[in-house]
Amino acid sequence: MKTEKMLYSRTEACEVLGVGSVTLWRLVQRGELKPRYVGDRPMFSRTELARFAGIGR
């Protein structure tokens, strides 16, 4: 049984969205993308990435 990841690292989120790390942080700073923190590591939920990308609308 294959399970999908629920949280993605910064690098993985960049790959999923097709953007660079600077663009990712600009999106976070503008409030367009909201990370969740695991300790001090920002992680991006699959739901948040899909919402931003407009998947499922």
Protein backbone atom coordinates (compact mmCIF):
# COMPACT_ATOMS: atom_id res chain seq x y z
CA MET A 1 0.00 0.00 0.00
CA LYS A 2 1.52 3.28 -1.10
CA THR A 3 0.83 6.30 1.09
CA GLU A 4 1.19 9.92 0.09
CA LYS A 5 3.30 12.25 2.17
CA MET A 6 1.35 14.65 4.35
CA LEU A 7 4.15 17.17 4.90
CA TYR A 8 6.81 18.38 2.50
CA SER A 9 10.14 20.06 3.24
CA ARG A 10 11.08 23.40 1.66
CA THR A 11 13.01 21.62 -1.09
CA GLU A 12 10.17 19.20 -1.79
CA ALA A 13 7.59 22.01 -1.81
CA CYS A 14 9.69 23.88 -4.37
CA GLU A 15 9.79 20.77 -6.56
CA VAL A 16 6.03 20.20 -6.25
CA LEU A 17 5.20 23.82 -7.14
CA GLY A 18 7.96 24.24 -9.71
CA VAL A 19 9.42 27.33 -8.04
CA GLY A 20 12.77 28.23 -6.52
CA SER A 21 13.48 28.68 -2.83
CA VAL A 22 13.43 32.50 -3.03
CA THR A 23 10.00 32.45 -4.66
CA LEU A 24 8.74 29.99 -2.04
CA TRP A 25 9.81 32.32 0.77
CA ARG A 26 8.27 35.33 -0.94
CA LEU A 27 4.98 33.43 -1.11
CA VAL A 28 5.27 32.67 2.61
CA GLN A 29 6.12 36.30 3.47
CA ARG A 30 3.10 37.55 1.49
CA GLY A 31 0.85 35.06 3.27
CA GLU A 32 0.00 33.20 0.07
CA LEU A 33 1.47 29.95 1.37
CA LYS A 34 1.39 28.90 5.01
CA PRO A 35 3.97 26.50 6.43
CA ARG A 36 3.52 24.40 9.55
CA TYR A 37 6.49 24.10 11.83
CA VAL A 38 7.85 20.81 13.11
CA GLY A 39 10.28 22.01 15.74
CA ASP A 40 11.98 24.85 13.92
CA ARG A 41 11.61 23.29 10.45
CA PRO A 42 9.00 24.78 8.14
CA MET A 43 6.97 22.06 6.45
CA PHE A 44 4.22 22.42 3.87
CA SER A 45 1.11 20.26 3.95
CA ARG A 46 -0.11 18.48 0.85
CA THR A 47 -3.45 20.26 1.33
CA GLU A 48 -1.80 23.70 1.45
CA LEU A 49 0.26 23.03 -1.66
CA ALA A 50 -2.83 21.79 -3.52
CA ARG A 51 -4.83 24.84 -2.36
CA PHE A 52 -2.16 27.21 -3.60
CA ALA A 53 -1.81 25.39 -6.92
CA GLY A 54 -5.59 25.48 -7.40
CA ILE A 55 -5.93 21.70 -7.54
CA GLY A 56 -9.40 20.43 -6.71
CA ARG A 57 -11.26 23.65 -7.41
